[in-house]
Amino acid sequence: MLEKLKELICQYVEVEPEDITEESRFIEDLGFNSYDIMCMLGDAETEFDVEIEEEEIMKCKTVGDLLDYFGGQE
């Protein structure tokens, strides 16, 4: 799942997949803005077949947080 998430992230920000870790923070480390995050999350819903609750997803600050969130949805 991490590799697919890296592919999605790279569609929105200019970062190399090998530079993305579970500790990478979306805004501070990867350069996302709030619009990019919401667009990427929409694509992630489709890619991972999950439903994202906006209140809960806003707590996800790192790639690892998002993976944990998706894992709890399966």
C-alpha atoms as a PDB file:
ATOM      1  CA  MET A   1       0.000   0.000   0.000  1.00  0.00           C
ATOM      2  CA  LEU A   2       2.912   2.371   0.701  1.00  0.00           C
ATOM      3  CA  GLU A   3       4.186   2.112  -2.871  1.00  0.00           C
ATOM      4  CA  LYS A   4       0.758   2.960  -4.330  1.00  0.00           C
ATOM      5  CA  LEU A   5       0.433   5.877  -1.936  1.00  0.00           C
ATOM      6  CA  LYS A   6       3.877   7.134  -3.002  1.00  0.00           C
ATOM      7  CA  GLU A   7       2.712   7.034  -6.636  1.00  0.00           C
ATOM      8  CA  LEU A   8      -0.341   9.127  -5.736  1.00  0.00           C
ATOM      9  CA  ILE A   9       1.748  11.611  -3.771  1.00  0.00           C
ATOM     10  CA  CYS A  10       4.140  12.065  -6.696  1.00  0.00           C
ATOM     11  CA  GLN A  11       1.222  13.056  -8.920  1.00  0.00           C
ATOM     12  CA  TYR A  12       0.623  16.101  -6.729  1.00  0.00           C
ATOM     13  CA  VAL A  13       4.027  17.277  -5.533  1.00  0.00           C
ATOM     14  CA  GLU A  14       7.498  17.238  -7.010  1.00  0.00           C
ATOM     15  CA  VAL A  15       9.245  14.692  -4.830  1.00  0.00           C
ATOM     16  CA  GLU A  16      10.999  11.449  -5.630  1.00  0.00           C
ATOM     17  CA  PRO A  17       9.282   8.260  -4.400  1.00  0.00           C
ATOM     18  CA  GLU A  18      12.454   7.136  -2.637  1.00  0.00           C
ATOM     19  CA  ASP A  19      12.376  10.360  -0.585  1.00  0.00           C
ATOM     20  CA  ILE A  20       8.925   9.551   0.836  1.00  0.00           C
ATOM     21  CA  THR A  21       8.864   7.669   4.138  1.00  0.00           C
ATOM     22  CA  GLU A  22       6.142   6.881   6.625  1.00  0.00           C
ATOM     23  CA  GLU A  23       7.503   9.749   8.741  1.00  0.00           C
ATOM     24  CA  SER A  24       7.162  12.278   5.880  1.00  0.00           C
ATOM     25  CA  ARG A  25       4.784  15.096   6.791  1.00  0.00           C
ATOM     26  CA  PHE A  26       2.468  16.157   3.982  1.00  0.00           C
ATOM     27  CA  ILE A  27       2.803  19.919   4.367  1.00  0.00           C
ATOM     28  CA  GLU A  28       6.172  20.446   6.014  1.00  0.00           C
ATOM     29  CA  ASP A  29       8.206  17.751   4.227  1.00  0.00           C
ATOM     30  CA  LEU A  30       6.405  17.053   0.958  1.00  0.00           C
ATOM     31  CA  GLY A  31       5.138  20.545   0.137  1.00  0.00           C
ATOM     32  CA  PHE A  32       1.404  19.843  -0.071  1.00  0.00           C
ATOM     33  CA  ASN A  33      -1.117  22.632   0.262  1.00  0.00           C
ATOM     34  CA  SER A  34      -4.626  21.968   1.559  1.00  0.00           C
ATOM     35  CA  TYR A  35      -6.148  21.830  -1.930  1.00  0.00           C
ATOM     36  CA  ASP A  36      -3.588  19.265  -3.121  1.00  0.00           C
ATOM     37  CA  ILE A  37      -4.212  17.142  -0.037  1.00  0.00           C
ATOM     38  CA  MET A  38      -7.967  17.073  -0.605  1.00  0.00           C
ATOM     39  CA  CYS A  39      -7.527  16.171  -4.288  1.00  0.00           C
ATOM     40  CA  MET A  40      -5.031  13.431  -3.460  1.00  0.00           C
ATOM     41  CA  LEU A  41      -7.363  12.036  -0.801  1.00  0.00           C
ATOM     42  CA  GLY A  42     -10.190  11.869  -3.345  1.00  0.00           C
ATOM     43  CA  ASP A  43      -7.976   9.791  -5.614  1.00  0.00           C
ATOM     44  CA  ALA A  44      -6.904   7.662  -2.628  1.00  0.00           C
ATOM     45  CA  GLU A  45     -10.550   6.847  -1.852  1.00  0.00           C
ATOM     46  CA  THR A  46     -10.900   5.397  -5.327  1.00  0.00           C
ATOM     47  CA  GLU A  47      -7.492   3.698  -5.407  1.00  0.00           C
ATOM     48  CA  PHE A  48      -7.829   2.002  -2.008  1.00  0.00           C
ATOM     49  CA  ASP A  49     -11.624   1.582  -2.030  1.00  0.00           C
ATOM     50  CA  VAL A  50     -12.092   3.368   1.291  1.00  0.00           C
ATOM     51  CA  GLU A  51     -14.391   6.113   2.465  1.00  0.00           C
ATOM     52  CA  ILE A  52     -12.567   8.997   4.062  1.00  0.00           C
ATOM     53  CA  GLU A  53     -14.230  10.941   6.857  1.00  0.00           C
ATOM     54  CA  GLU A  54     -13.002  14.521   6.673  1.00  0.00           C
ATOM     55  CA  GLU A  55     -12.879  15.042  10.449  1.00  0.00           C
ATOM     56  CA  GLU A  56     -10.765  11.930  10.973  1.00  0.00           C
ATOM     57  CA  ILE A  57      -8.475  12.416   8.003  1.00  0.00           C
ATOM     58  CA  MET A  58      -7.467  15.900   9.181  1.00  0.00           C
ATOM     59  CA  LYS A  59      -5.659  14.188  12.070  1.00  0.00           C
ATOM     60  CA  CYS A  60      -3.326  12.482   9.572  1.00  0.00           C
ATOM     61  CA  LYS A  61      -0.166  14.556   9.398  1.00  0.00           C
ATOM     62  CA  THR A  62       2.264  11.958   8.027  1.00  0.00           C
ATOM     63  CA  VAL A  63       2.261   9.293   5.335  1.00  0.00           C
ATOM     64  CA  GLY A  64       2.296   6.677   8.108  1.00  0.00           C
ATOM     65  CA  ASP A  65      -0.775   8.243   9.749  1.00  0.00           C
ATOM     66  CA  LEU A  66      -2.623   7.950   6.448  1.00  0.00           C
ATOM     67  CA  LEU A  67      -1.554   4.339   5.972  1.00  0.00           C
ATOM     68  CA  ASP A  68      -2.772   3.542   9.488  1.00  0.00           C
ATOM     69  CA  TYR A  69      -6.084   5.240   8.703  1.00  0.00           C
ATOM     70  CA  PHE A  70      -6.515   3.228   5.506  1.00  0.00           C
ATOM     71  CA  GLY A  71      -5.542   0.019   7.299  1.00  0.00           C
ATOM     72  CA  GLY A  72      -8.302   0.609   9.818  1.00  0.00           C
ATOM     73  CA  GLN A  73     -10.822   1.011   7.011  1.00  0.00           C
ATOM     74  CA  GLU A  74     -10.234  -2.391   5.431  1.00  0.00           C
END
